[in-house]
Amino acid sequence: MKADNITSPKALSLALIHDFGKLLVLFGEDDANIMCSTIVLKHGELGRGLDSTITTWNHDEFGFQKLRRYLPPDMAWVIRYHSLSPLLKGELHQFLTPEELTWFPLLRLLW
């Protein structure tokens, strides 16, 4: 990130902690459950946010569950959805809330 002149404190912090959930591998969790992309199982309602969408569980969700109470909402959201490839490709924007749309650029910086 520094080589790309990204200086946002939030983005730099996320670069360090976004994969916190991968620590589960050290405690015996199967790699197949941790080292994978998040997959949408069922779409939610348009404009209701990604919380209304059902996805698979992986290291993103574990990291989110453990860190969310210590982070601002935008950073917690980025941790939760940083492996959701359809979101990163712009395929899920119609499901985002207006607030989540403001958080998306932070996710793009991390990606």
PDB file of N, CA and C in Angstrom:
ATOM      1  N   MET A   1       0.812  -1.178   0.000  1.00  0.00           N
ATOM      2  CA  MET A   1       0.000   0.000   0.000  1.00  0.00           C
ATOM      3  C   MET A   1       0.869   1.261   0.000  1.00  0.00           C
ATOM      4  N   LYS A   2       1.936   1.208   0.759  1.00  0.00           N
ATOM      5  CA  LYS A   2       2.834   2.366   0.782  1.00  0.00           C
ATOM      6  C   LYS A   2       3.434   2.598  -0.598  1.00  0.00           C
ATOM      7  N   ALA A   3       3.778   1.530  -1.311  1.00  0.00           N
ATOM      8  CA  ALA A   3       4.334   1.665  -2.662  1.00  0.00           C
ATOM      9  C   ALA A   3       3.327   2.285  -3.622  1.00  0.00           C
ATOM     10  N   ASP A   4       2.034   2.096  -3.340  1.00  0.00           N
ATOM     11  CA  ASP A   4       0.972   2.673  -4.165  1.00  0.00           C
ATOM     12  C   ASP A   4       0.509   4.029  -3.632  1.00  0.00           C
ATOM     13  N   ASN A   5       1.268   4.600  -2.685  1.00  0.00           N
ATOM     14  CA  ASN A   5       0.962   5.898  -2.085  1.00  0.00           C
ATOM     15  C   ASN A   5      -0.398   5.939  -1.402  1.00  0.00           C
ATOM     16  N   ILE A   6      -0.827   4.824  -0.844  1.00  0.00           N
ATOM     17  CA  ILE A   6      -2.052   4.792  -0.054  1.00  0.00           C
ATOM     18  C   ILE A   6      -1.665   5.140   1.373  1.00  0.00           C
ATOM     19  N   THR A   7      -2.208   6.244   1.852  1.00  0.00           N
ATOM     20  CA  THR A   7      -1.823   6.739   3.173  1.00  0.00           C
ATOM     21  C   THR A   7      -2.983   6.766   4.167  1.00  0.00           C
ATOM     22  N   SER A   8      -4.150   6.325   3.755  1.00  0.00           N
ATOM     23  CA  SER A   8      -5.311   6.317   4.641  1.00  0.00           C
ATOM     24  C   SER A   8      -5.026   5.452   5.868  1.00  0.00           C
ATOM     25  N   PRO A   9      -5.132   6.025   7.071  1.00  0.00           N
ATOM     26  CA  PRO A   9      -4.898   5.220   8.276  1.00  0.00           C
ATOM     27  C   PRO A   9      -5.827   4.007   8.366  1.00  0.00           C
ATOM     28  N   LYS A  10      -7.082   4.175   7.937  1.00  0.00           N
ATOM     29  CA  LYS A  10      -8.007   3.040   7.972  1.00  0.00           C
ATOM     30  C   LYS A  10      -7.560   1.952   7.015  1.00  0.00           C
ATOM     31  N   ALA A  11      -7.169   2.327   5.810  1.00  0.00           N
ATOM     32  CA  ALA A  11      -6.744   1.329   4.827  1.00  0.00           C
ATOM     33  C   ALA A  11      -5.485   0.604   5.295  1.00  0.00           C
ATOM     34  N   LEU A  12      -4.537   1.337   5.848  1.00  0.00           N
ATOM     35  CA  LEU A  12      -3.311   0.710   6.343  1.00  0.00           C
ATOM     36  C   LEU A  12      -3.598  -0.220   7.518  1.00  0.00           C
ATOM     37  N   SER A  13      -4.489   0.189   8.399  1.00  0.00           N
ATOM     38  CA  SER A  13      -4.873  -0.678   9.519  1.00  0.00           C
ATOM     39  C   SER A  13      -5.555  -1.944   9.015  1.00  0.00           C
ATOM     40  N   LEU A  14      -6.443  -1.783   8.045  1.00  0.00           N
ATOM     41  CA  LEU A  14      -7.136  -2.951   7.483  1.00  0.00           C
ATOM     42  C   LEU A  14      -6.166  -3.904   6.801  1.00  0.00           C
ATOM     43  N   ALA A  15      -5.142  -3.356   6.184  1.00  0.00           N
ATOM     44  CA  ALA A  15      -4.149  -4.217   5.540  1.00  0.00           C
ATOM     45  C   ALA A  15      -3.502  -5.157   6.562  1.00  0.00           C
ATOM     46  N   LEU A  16      -3.367  -4.685   7.780  1.00  0.00           N
ATOM     47  CA  LEU A  16      -2.743  -5.487   8.832  1.00  0.00           C
ATOM     48  C   LEU A  16      -3.696  -6.496   9.478  1.00  0.00           C
ATOM     49  N   ILE A  17      -4.979  -6.153   9.580  1.00  0.00           N
ATOM     50  CA  ILE A  17      -5.882  -6.994  10.381  1.00  0.00           C
ATOM     51  C   ILE A  17      -6.967  -7.714   9.584  1.00  0.00           C
ATOM     52  N   HIS A  18      -7.107  -7.463   8.285  1.00  0.00           N
ATOM     53  CA  HIS A  18      -8.264  -8.000   7.558  1.00  0.00           C
ATOM     54  C   HIS A  18      -8.315  -9.521   7.526  1.00  0.00           C
ATOM     55  N   ASP A  19      -7.192 -10.185   7.622  1.00  0.00           N
ATOM     56  CA  ASP A  19      -7.175 -11.651   7.592  1.00  0.00           C
ATOM     57  C   ASP A  19      -7.045 -12.274   8.981  1.00  0.00           C
ATOM     58  N   PHE A  20      -7.431 -11.551   9.990  1.00  0.00           N
ATOM     59  CA  PHE A  20      -7.395 -12.045  11.372  1.00  0.00           C
ATOM     60  C   PHE A  20      -8.060 -13.417  11.493  1.00  0.00           C
ATOM     61  N   GLY A  21      -9.140 -13.630  10.766  1.00  0.00           N
ATOM     62  CA  GLY A  21      -9.876 -14.886  10.831  1.00  0.00           C
ATOM     63  C   GLY A  21      -9.088 -16.096  10.359  1.00  0.00           C
ATOM     64  N   LYS A  22      -8.029 -15.876   9.615  1.00  0.00           N
ATOM     65  CA  LYS A  22      -7.214 -17.009   9.155  1.00  0.00           C
ATOM     66  C   LYS A  22      -6.459 -17.676  10.303  1.00  0.00           C
ATOM     67  N   LEU A  23      -6.449 -17.042  11.455  1.00  0.00           N
ATOM     68  CA  LEU A  23      -5.830 -17.670  12.624  1.00  0.00           C
ATOM     69  C   LEU A  23      -6.512 -18.978  13.003  1.00  0.00           C
ATOM     70  N   LEU A  24      -7.740 -19.176  12.560  1.00  0.00           N
ATOM     71  CA  LEU A  24      -8.447 -20.432  12.847  1.00  0.00           C
ATOM     72  C   LEU A  24      -7.678 -21.648  12.351  1.00  0.00           C
ATOM     73  N   VAL A  25      -6.915 -21.484  11.294  1.00  0.00           N
ATOM     74  CA  VAL A  25      -6.128 -22.593  10.750  1.00  0.00           C
ATOM     75  C   VAL A  25      -5.147 -23.105  11.799  1.00  0.00           C
ATOM     76  N   LEU A  26      -4.608 -22.206  12.607  1.00  0.00           N
ATOM     77  CA  LEU A  26      -3.650 -22.604  13.644  1.00  0.00           C
ATOM     78  C   LEU A  26      -4.301 -23.434  14.749  1.00  0.00           C
ATOM     79  N   PHE A  27      -5.632 -23.388  14.812  1.00  0.00           N
ATOM     80  CA  PHE A  27      -6.357 -24.106  15.855  1.00  0.00           C
ATOM     81  C   PHE A  27      -7.132 -25.292  15.302  1.00  0.00           C
ATOM     82  N   GLY A  28      -6.736 -25.757  14.092  1.00  0.00           N
ATOM     83  CA  GLY A  28      -7.269 -26.997  13.567  1.00  0.00           C
ATOM     84  C   GLY A  28      -8.427 -26.892  12.591  1.00  0.00           C
ATOM     85  N   GLU A  29      -8.896 -25.692  12.295  1.00  0.00           N
ATOM     86  CA  GLU A  29      -9.989 -25.567  11.322  1.00  0.00           C
ATOM     87  C   GLU A  29      -9.472 -25.959   9.940  1.00  0.00           C
ATOM     88  N   ASP A  30     -10.285 -26.674   9.204  1.00  0.00           N
ATOM     89  CA  ASP A  30      -9.934 -27.120   7.860  1.00  0.00           C
ATOM     90  C   ASP A  30      -9.685 -25.922   6.947  1.00  0.00           C
ATOM     91  N   ASP A  31      -8.565 -25.958   6.220  1.00  0.00           N
ATOM     92  CA  ASP A  31      -8.245 -24.882   5.275  1.00  0.00           C
ATOM     93  C   ASP A  31      -9.389 -24.592   4.314  1.00  0.00           C
ATOM     94  N   ALA A  32     -10.125 -25.608   3.911  1.00  0.00           N
ATOM     95  CA  ALA A  32     -11.222 -25.432   2.959  1.00  0.00           C
ATOM     96  C   ALA A  32     -12.317 -24.527   3.504  1.00  0.00           C
ATOM     97  N   ASN A  33     -12.416 -24.418   4.815  1.00  0.00           N
ATOM     98  CA  ASN A  33     -13.425 -23.556   5.438  1.00  0.00           C
ATOM     99  C   ASN A  33     -12.924 -22.140   5.681  1.00  0.00           C
ATOM    100  N   ILE A  34     -11.639 -21.935   5.533  1.00  0.00           N
ATOM    101  CA  ILE A  34     -11.030 -20.660   5.892  1.00  0.00           C
ATOM    102  C   ILE A  34     -10.434 -19.942   4.687  1.00  0.00           C
ATOM    103  N   MET A  35      -9.684 -20.647   3.873  1.00  0.00           N
ATOM    104  CA  MET A  35      -8.942 -20.043   2.769  1.00  0.00           C
ATOM    105  C   MET A  35      -9.753 -20.083   1.480  1.00  0.00           C
ATOM    106  N   CYS A  36     -10.870 -19.410   1.479  1.00  0.00           N
ATOM    107  CA  CYS A  36     -11.745 -19.448   0.311  1.00  0.00           C
ATOM    108  C   CYS A  36     -12.463 -18.116   0.170  1.00  0.00           C
ATOM    109  N   SER A  37     -13.037 -17.909  -0.996  1.00  0.00           N
ATOM    110  CA  SER A  37     -13.844 -16.710  -1.214  1.00  0.00           C
ATOM    111  C   SER A  37     -15.222 -16.906  -0.617  1.00  0.00           C
ATOM    112  N   THR A  38     -15.835 -15.814  -0.255  1.00  0.00           N
ATOM    113  CA  THR A  38     -17.211 -15.849   0.227  1.00  0.00           C
ATOM    114  C   THR A  38     -18.130 -15.994  -0.980  1.00  0.00           C
ATOM    115  N   ILE A  39     -19.111 -16.861  -0.880  1.00  0.00           N
ATOM    116  CA  ILE A  39     -20.035 -17.129  -1.980  1.00  0.00           C
ATOM    117  C   ILE A  39     -21.446 -16.742  -1.540  1.00  0.00           C
ATOM    118  N   VAL A  40     -22.162 -16.064  -2.425  1.00  0.00           N
ATOM    119  CA  VAL A  40     -23.554 -15.699  -2.132  1.00  0.00           C
ATOM    120  C   VAL A  40     -24.426 -16.940  -2.316  1.00  0.00           C
ATOM    121  N   LEU A  41     -25.179 -17.295  -1.289  1.00  0.00           N
ATOM    122  CA  LEU A  41     -26.104 -18.423  -1.355  1.00  0.00           C
ATOM    123  C   LEU A  41     -27.514 -17.956  -1.682  1.00  0.00           C
ATOM    124  N   LYS A  42     -27.881 -16.791  -1.149  1.00  0.00           N
ATOM    125  CA  LYS A  42     -29.210 -16.244  -1.407  1.00  0.00           C
ATOM    126  C   LYS A  42     -29.130 -14.725  -1.339  1.00  0.00           C
ATOM    127  N   HIS A  43     -29.603 -14.079  -2.400  1.00  0.00           N
ATOM    128  CA  HIS A  43     -29.593 -12.620  -2.431  1.00  0.00           C
ATOM    129  C   HIS A  43     -30.648 -12.065  -1.492  1.00  0.00           C
ATOM    130  N   GLY A  44     -30.323 -10.926  -0.912  1.00  0.00           N
ATOM    131  CA  GLY A  44     -31.277 -10.238  -0.053  1.00  0.00           C
ATOM    132  C   GLY A  44     -32.138  -9.295  -0.861  1.00  0.00           C
ATOM    133  N   GLU A  45     -32.728  -8.355  -0.172  1.00  0.00           N
ATOM    134  CA  GLU A  45     -33.589  -7.379  -0.821  1.00  0.00           C
ATOM    135  C   GLU A  45     -32.751  -6.211  -1.328  1.00  0.00           C
ATOM    136  N   LEU A  46     -33.152  -5.671  -2.465  1.00  0.00           N
ATOM    137  CA  LEU A  46     -32.434  -4.544  -3.040  1.00  0.00           C
ATOM    138  C   LEU A  46     -32.380  -3.380  -2.062  1.00  0.00           C
ATOM    139  N   GLY A  47     -31.186  -2.816  -1.913  1.00  0.00           N
ATOM    140  CA  GLY A  47     -31.005  -1.657  -1.059  1.00  0.00           C
ATOM    141  C   GLY A  47     -31.079  -1.903   0.431  1.00  0.00           C
ATOM    142  N   ARG A  48     -31.189  -3.162   0.859  1.00  0.00           N
ATOM    143  CA  ARG A  48     -31.323  -3.486   2.289  1.00  0.00           C
ATOM    144  C   ARG A  48     -29.988  -3.821   2.946  1.00  0.00           C
ATOM    145  N   GLY A  49     -28.940  -3.857   2.163  1.00  0.00           N
ATOM    146  CA  GLY A  49     -27.621  -4.126   2.717  1.00  0.00           C
ATOM    147  C   GLY A  49     -27.219  -5.578   2.607  1.00  0.00           C
ATOM    148  N   LEU A  50     -25.921  -5.790   2.720  1.00  0.00           N
ATOM    149  CA  LEU A  50     -25.408  -7.155   2.600  1.00  0.00           C
ATOM    150  C   LEU A  50     -25.799  -8.039   3.776  1.00  0.00           C
ATOM    151  N   ASP A  51     -26.214  -7.438   4.880  1.00  0.00           N
ATOM    152  CA  ASP A  51     -26.687  -8.247   6.007  1.00  0.00           C
ATOM    153  C   ASP A  51     -27.943  -9.032   5.644  1.00  0.00           C
ATOM    154  N   SER A  52     -28.657  -8.590   4.612  1.00  0.00           N
ATOM    155  CA  SER A  52     -29.855  -9.320   4.184  1.00  0.00           C
ATOM    156  C   SER A  52     -29.528 -10.415   3.164  1.00  0.00           C
ATOM    157  N   THR A  53     -28.263 -10.536   2.811  1.00  0.00           N
ATOM    158  CA  THR A  53     -27.799 -11.552   1.870  1.00  0.00           C
ATOM    159  C   THR A  53     -27.198 -12.720   2.652  1.00  0.00           C
ATOM    160  N   ILE A  54     -27.487 -13.932   2.244  1.00  0.00           N
ATOM    161  CA  ILE A  54     -26.920 -15.111   2.908  1.00  0.00           C
ATOM    162  C   ILE A  54     -25.692 -15.560   2.123  1.00  0.00           C
ATOM    163  N   THR A  55     -24.584 -15.678   2.823  1.00  0.00           N
ATOM    164  CA  THR A  55     -23.321 -16.075   2.199  1.00  0.00           C
ATOM    165  C   THR A  55     -22.712 -17.256   2.950  1.00  0.00           C
ATOM    166  N   THR A  56     -21.713 -17.853   2.331  1.00  0.00           N
ATOM    167  CA  THR A  56     -20.947 -18.885   3.019  1.00  0.00           C
ATOM    168  C   THR A  56     -20.121 -18.234   4.128  1.00  0.00           C
ATOM    169  N   TRP A  57     -19.624 -19.053   5.023  1.00  0.00           N
ATOM    170  CA  TRP A  57     -18.844 -18.602   6.159  1.00  0.00           C
ATOM    171  C   TRP A  57     -17.381 -18.918   5.889  1.00  0.00           C
ATOM    172  N   ASN A  58     -16.502 -17.989   6.176  1.00  0.00           N
ATOM    173  CA  ASN A  58     -15.067 -18.244   6.080  1.00  0.00           C
ATOM    174  C   ASN A  58     -14.331 -17.311   7.048  1.00  0.00           C
ATOM    175  N   HIS A  59     -13.059 -17.094   6.804  1.00  0.00           N
ATOM    176  CA  HIS A  59     -12.263 -16.287   7.731  1.00  0.00           C
ATOM    177  C   HIS A  59     -12.774 -14.852   7.848  1.00  0.00           C
ATOM    178  N   ASP A  60     -13.431 -14.343   6.825  1.00  0.00           N
ATOM    179  CA  ASP A  60     -13.975 -12.983   6.882  1.00  0.00           C
ATOM    180  C   ASP A  60     -14.967 -12.843   8.039  1.00  0.00           C
ATOM    181  N   GLU A  61     -15.901 -13.780   8.103  1.00  0.00           N
ATOM    182  CA  GLU A  61     -16.950 -13.718   9.131  1.00  0.00           C
ATOM    183  C   GLU A  61     -16.363 -13.893  10.530  1.00  0.00           C
ATOM    184  N   PHE A  62     -15.428 -14.817  10.678  1.00  0.00           N
ATOM    185  CA  PHE A  62     -14.808 -15.003  11.988  1.00  0.00           C
ATOM    186  C   PHE A  62     -14.104 -13.720  12.429  1.00  0.00           C
ATOM    187  N   GLY A  63     -13.317 -13.133  11.538  1.00  0.00           N
ATOM    188  CA  GLY A  63     -12.635 -11.883  11.870  1.00  0.00           C
ATOM    189  C   GLY A  63     -13.617 -10.784  12.224  1.00  0.00           C
ATOM    190  N   PHE A  64     -14.693 -10.678  11.449  1.00  0.00           N
ATOM    191  CA  PHE A  64     -15.726  -9.685  11.716  1.00  0.00           C
ATOM    192  C   PHE A  64     -16.339  -9.898  13.096  1.00  0.00           C
ATOM    193  N   GLN A  65     -16.716 -11.147  13.405  1.00  0.00           N
ATOM    194  CA  GLN A  65     -17.358 -11.438  14.689  1.00  0.00           C
ATOM    195  C   GLN A  65     -16.449 -11.098  15.866  1.00  0.00           C
ATOM    196  N   LYS A  66     -15.163 -11.329  15.722  1.00  0.00           N
ATOM    197  CA  LYS A  66     -14.227 -11.085  16.825  1.00  0.00           C
ATOM    198  C   LYS A  66     -13.815  -9.620  16.958  1.00  0.00           C
ATOM    199  N   LEU A  67     -13.766  -8.877  15.835  1.00  0.00           N
ATOM    200  CA  LEU A  67     -13.223  -7.520  15.870  1.00  0.00           C
ATOM    201  C   LEU A  67     -14.262  -6.403  15.795  1.00  0.00           C
ATOM    202  N   ARG A  68     -15.489  -6.719  15.415  1.00  0.00           N
ATOM    203  CA  ARG A  68     -16.475  -5.667  15.136  1.00  0.00           C
ATOM    204  C   ARG A  68     -16.738  -4.723  16.299  1.00  0.00           C
ATOM    205  N   ARG A  69     -16.686  -5.200  17.510  1.00  0.00           N
ATOM    206  CA  ARG A  69     -16.985  -4.314  18.647  1.00  0.00           C
ATOM    207  C   ARG A  69     -15.846  -3.335  18.936  1.00  0.00           C
ATOM    208  N   TYR A  70     -14.688  -3.547  18.300  1.00  0.00           N
ATOM    209  CA  TYR A  70     -13.532  -2.682  18.533  1.00  0.00           C
ATOM    210  C   TYR A  70     -13.254  -1.726  17.370  1.00  0.00           C
ATOM    211  N   LEU A  71     -14.015  -1.859  16.289  1.00  0.00           N
ATOM    212  CA  LEU A  71     -13.739  -1.104  15.065  1.00  0.00           C
ATOM    213  C   LEU A  71     -14.918  -0.217  14.674  1.00  0.00           C
ATOM    214  N   PRO A  72     -14.642   0.851  13.926  1.00  0.00           N
ATOM    215  CA  PRO A  72     -15.750   1.621  13.364  1.00  0.00           C
ATOM    216  C   PRO A  72     -16.520   0.740  12.371  1.00  0.00           C
ATOM    217  N   PRO A  73     -17.794   1.035  12.155  1.00  0.00           N
ATOM    218  CA  PRO A  73     -18.626   0.187  11.286  1.00  0.00           C
ATOM    219  C   PRO A  73     -18.063  -0.034   9.886  1.00  0.00           C
ATOM    220  N   ASP A  74     -17.454   0.981   9.295  1.00  0.00           N
ATOM    221  CA  ASP A  74     -16.936   0.802   7.933  1.00  0.00           C
ATOM    222  C   ASP A  74     -15.791  -0.208   7.889  1.00  0.00           C
ATOM    223  N   MET A  75     -14.916  -0.177   8.885  1.00  0.00           N
ATOM    224  CA  MET A  75     -13.793  -1.126   8.913  1.00  0.00           C
ATOM    225  C   MET A  75     -14.297  -2.544   9.192  1.00  0.00           C
ATOM    226  N   ALA A  76     -15.252  -2.675  10.090  1.00  0.00           N
ATOM    227  CA  ALA A  76     -15.816  -4.004  10.380  1.00  0.00           C
ATOM    228  C   ALA A  76     -16.485  -4.567   9.123  1.00  0.00           C
ATOM    229  N   TRP A  77     -17.194  -3.740   8.384  1.00  0.00           N
ATOM    230  CA  TRP A  77     -17.868  -4.159   7.150  1.00  0.00           C
ATOM    231  C   TRP A  77     -16.850  -4.640   6.116  1.00  0.00           C
ATOM    232  N   VAL A  78     -15.747  -3.916   5.985  1.00  0.00           N
ATOM    233  CA  VAL A  78     -14.707  -4.316   5.029  1.00  0.00           C
ATOM    234  C   VAL A  78     -14.132  -5.677   5.409  1.00  0.00           C
ATOM    235  N   ILE A  79     -13.872  -5.894   6.683  1.00  0.00           N
ATOM    236  CA  ILE A  79     -13.354  -7.192   7.115  1.00  0.00           C
ATOM    237  C   ILE A  79     -14.363  -8.298   6.788  1.00  0.00           C
ATOM    238  N   ARG A  80     -15.630  -8.037   7.021  1.00  0.00           N
ATOM    239  CA  ARG A  80     -16.661  -9.050   6.803  1.00  0.00           C
ATOM    240  C   ARG A  80     -16.808  -9.447   5.335  1.00  0.00           C
ATOM    241  N   TYR A  81     -16.599  -8.501   4.432  1.00  0.00           N
ATOM    242  CA  TYR A  81     -16.900  -8.772   3.022  1.00  0.00           C
ATOM    243  C   TYR A  81     -15.697  -8.683   2.095  1.00  0.00           C
ATOM    244  N   HIS A  82     -14.477  -8.680   2.620  1.00  0.00           N
ATOM    245  CA  HIS A  82     -13.325  -8.485   1.740  1.00  0.00           C
ATOM    246  C   HIS A  82     -13.051  -9.654   0.794  1.00  0.00           C
ATOM    247  N   SER A  83     -13.643 -10.800   1.014  1.00  0.00           N
ATOM    248  CA  SER A  83     -13.473 -11.940   0.097  1.00  0.00           C
ATOM    249  C   SER A  83     -14.725 -12.224  -0.726  1.00  0.00           C
ATOM    250  N   LEU A  84     -15.665 -11.318  -0.723  1.00  0.00           N
ATOM    251  CA  LEU A  84     -16.906 -11.497  -1.482  1.00  0.00           C
ATOM    252  C   LEU A  84     -16.670 -11.002  -2.908  1.00  0.00           C
ATOM    253  N   SER A  85     -16.154 -11.881  -3.753  1.00  0.00           N
ATOM    254  CA  SER A  85     -15.716 -11.476  -5.091  1.00  0.00           C
ATOM    255  C   SER A  85     -16.803 -10.831  -5.940  1.00  0.00           C
ATOM    256  N   PRO A  86     -18.083 -11.265  -5.896  1.00  0.00           N
ATOM    257  CA  PRO A  86     -19.085 -10.540  -6.687  1.00  0.00           C
ATOM    258  C   PRO A  86     -19.214  -9.069  -6.275  1.00  0.00           C
ATOM    259  N   LEU A  87     -19.017  -8.782  -5.001  1.00  0.00           N
ATOM    260  CA  LEU A  87     -19.057  -7.399  -4.539  1.00  0.00           C
ATOM    261  C   LEU A  87     -17.890  -6.617  -5.134  1.00  0.00           C
ATOM    262  N   LEU A  88     -16.715  -7.220  -5.091  1.00  0.00           N
ATOM    263  CA  LEU A  88     -15.529  -6.548  -5.619  1.00  0.00           C
ATOM    264  C   LEU A  88     -15.629  -6.315  -7.121  1.00  0.00           C
ATOM    265  N   LYS A  89     -16.385  -7.155  -7.806  1.00  0.00           N
ATOM    266  CA  LYS A  89     -16.589  -6.999  -9.248  1.00  0.00           C
ATOM    267  C   LYS A  89     -17.724  -6.031  -9.571  1.00  0.00           C
ATOM    268  N   GLY A  90     -18.382  -5.496  -8.551  1.00  0.00           N
ATOM    269  CA  GLY A  90     -19.466  -4.547  -8.762  1.00  0.00           C
ATOM    270  C   GLY A  90     -20.803  -5.190  -9.057  1.00  0.00           C
ATOM    271  N   GLU A  91     -20.942  -6.483  -8.790  1.00  0.00           N
ATOM    272  CA  GLU A  91     -22.163  -7.209  -9.127  1.00  0.00           C
ATOM    273  C   GLU A  91     -23.230  -7.158  -8.036  1.00  0.00           C
ATOM    274  N   LEU A  92     -22.926  -6.600  -6.889  1.00  0.00           N
ATOM    275  CA  LEU A  92     -23.881  -6.605  -5.777  1.00  0.00           C
ATOM    276  C   LEU A  92     -24.264  -5.200  -5.308  1.00  0.00           C
ATOM    277  N   HIS A  93     -23.859  -4.192  -6.027  1.00  0.00           N
ATOM    278  CA  HIS A  93     -24.102  -2.819  -5.567  1.00  0.00           C
ATOM    279  C   HIS A  93     -25.576  -2.509  -5.361  1.00  0.00           C
ATOM    280  N   GLN A  94     -26.446  -3.144  -6.115  1.00  0.00           N
ATOM    281  CA  GLN A  94     -27.875  -2.875  -5.977  1.00  0.00           C
ATOM    282  C   GLN A  94     -28.409  -3.340  -4.627  1.00  0.00           C
ATOM    283  N   PHE A  95     -27.672  -4.185  -3.923  1.00  0.00           N
ATOM    284  CA  PHE A  95     -28.106  -4.678  -2.616  1.00  0.00           C
ATOM    285  C   PHE A  95     -27.587  -3.804  -1.469  1.00  0.00           C
ATOM    286  N   LEU A  96     -26.622  -2.949  -1.750  1.00  0.00           N
ATOM    287  CA  LEU A  96     -26.003  -2.143  -0.703  1.00  0.00           C
ATOM    288  C   LEU A  96     -26.914  -1.014  -0.238  1.00  0.00           C
ATOM    289  N   THR A  97     -26.783  -0.677   1.033  1.00  0.00           N
ATOM    290  CA  THR A  97     -27.459   0.499   1.561  1.00  0.00           C
ATOM    291  C   THR A  97     -26.665   1.732   1.125  1.00  0.00           C
ATOM    292  N   PRO A  98     -27.256   2.914   1.213  1.00  0.00           N
ATOM    293  CA  PRO A  98     -26.480   4.123   0.905  1.00  0.00           C
ATOM    294  C   PRO A  98     -25.208   4.235   1.760  1.00  0.00           C
ATOM    295  N   GLU A  99     -25.305   3.834   3.018  1.00  0.00           N
ATOM    296  CA  GLU A  99     -24.125   3.878   3.891  1.00  0.00           C
ATOM    297  C   GLU A  99     -23.052   2.902   3.415  1.00  0.00           C
ATOM    298  N   GLU A 100     -23.448   1.682   3.052  1.00  0.00           N
ATOM    299  CA  GLU A 100     -22.475   0.699   2.559  1.00  0.00           C
ATOM    300  C   GLU A 100     -21.813   1.179   1.274  1.00  0.00           C
ATOM    301  N   LEU A 101     -22.550   1.882   0.453  1.00  0.00           N
ATOM    302  CA  LEU A 101     -21.958   2.429  -0.779  1.00  0.00           C
ATOM    303  C   LEU A 101     -20.829   3.412  -0.459  1.00  0.00           C
ATOM    304  N   THR A 102     -20.947   4.130   0.655  1.00  0.00           N
ATOM    305  CA  THR A 102     -19.869   5.047   1.042  1.00  0.00           C
ATOM    306  C   THR A 102     -18.660   4.283   1.591  1.00  0.00           C
ATOM    307  N   TRP A 103     -18.884   3.055   2.066  1.00  0.00           N
ATOM    308  CA  TRP A 103     -17.787   2.243   2.603  1.00  0.00           C
ATOM    309  C   TRP A 103     -17.050   1.477   1.509  1.00  0.00           C
ATOM    310  N   PHE A 104     -17.685   1.281   0.366  1.00  0.00           N
ATOM    311  CA  PHE A 104     -17.106   0.464  -0.702  1.00  0.00           C
ATOM    312  C   PHE A 104     -15.725   0.952  -1.153  1.00  0.00           C
ATOM    313  N   PRO A 105     -15.478   2.256  -1.295  1.00  0.00           N
ATOM    314  CA  PRO A 105     -14.131   2.681  -1.702  1.00  0.00           C
ATOM    315  C   PRO A 105     -13.023   2.211  -0.762  1.00  0.00           C
ATOM    316  N   LEU A 106     -13.326   2.095   0.537  1.00  0.00           N
ATOM    317  CA  LEU A 106     -12.334   1.579   1.482  1.00  0.00           C
ATOM    318  C   LEU A 106     -12.033   0.108   1.188  1.00  0.00           C
ATOM    319  N   LEU A 107     -13.038  -0.643   0.838  1.00  0.00           N
ATOM    320  CA  LEU A 107     -12.838  -2.043   0.445  1.00  0.00           C
ATOM    321  C   LEU A 107     -11.977  -2.120  -0.812  1.00  0.00           C
ATOM    322  N   ARG A 108     -12.242  -1.257  -1.788  1.00  0.00           N
ATOM    323  CA  ARG A 108     -11.453  -1.244  -3.025  1.00  0.00           C
ATOM    324  C   ARG A 108      -9.987  -0.908  -2.751  1.00  0.00           C
ATOM    325  N   LEU A 109      -9.738   0.004  -1.808  1.00  0.00           N
ATOM    326  CA  LEU A 109      -8.353   0.316  -1.452  1.00  0.00           C
ATOM    327  C   LEU A 109      -7.629  -0.908  -0.915  1.00  0.00           C
ATOM    328  N   LEU A 110      -8.323  -1.683  -0.100  1.00  0.00           N
ATOM    329  CA  LEU A 110      -7.720  -2.892   0.466  1.00  0.00           C
ATOM    330  C   LEU A 110      -7.475  -3.927  -0.619  1.00  0.00           C
ATOM    331  N   TRP A 111      -8.445  -4.063  -1.516  1.00  0.00           N
ATOM    332  CA  TRP A 111      -8.353  -5.081  -2.558  1.00  0.00           C
ATOM    333  C   TRP A 111      -7.282  -4.717  -3.548  1.00  0.00           C
TER     334      TRP A 111
END
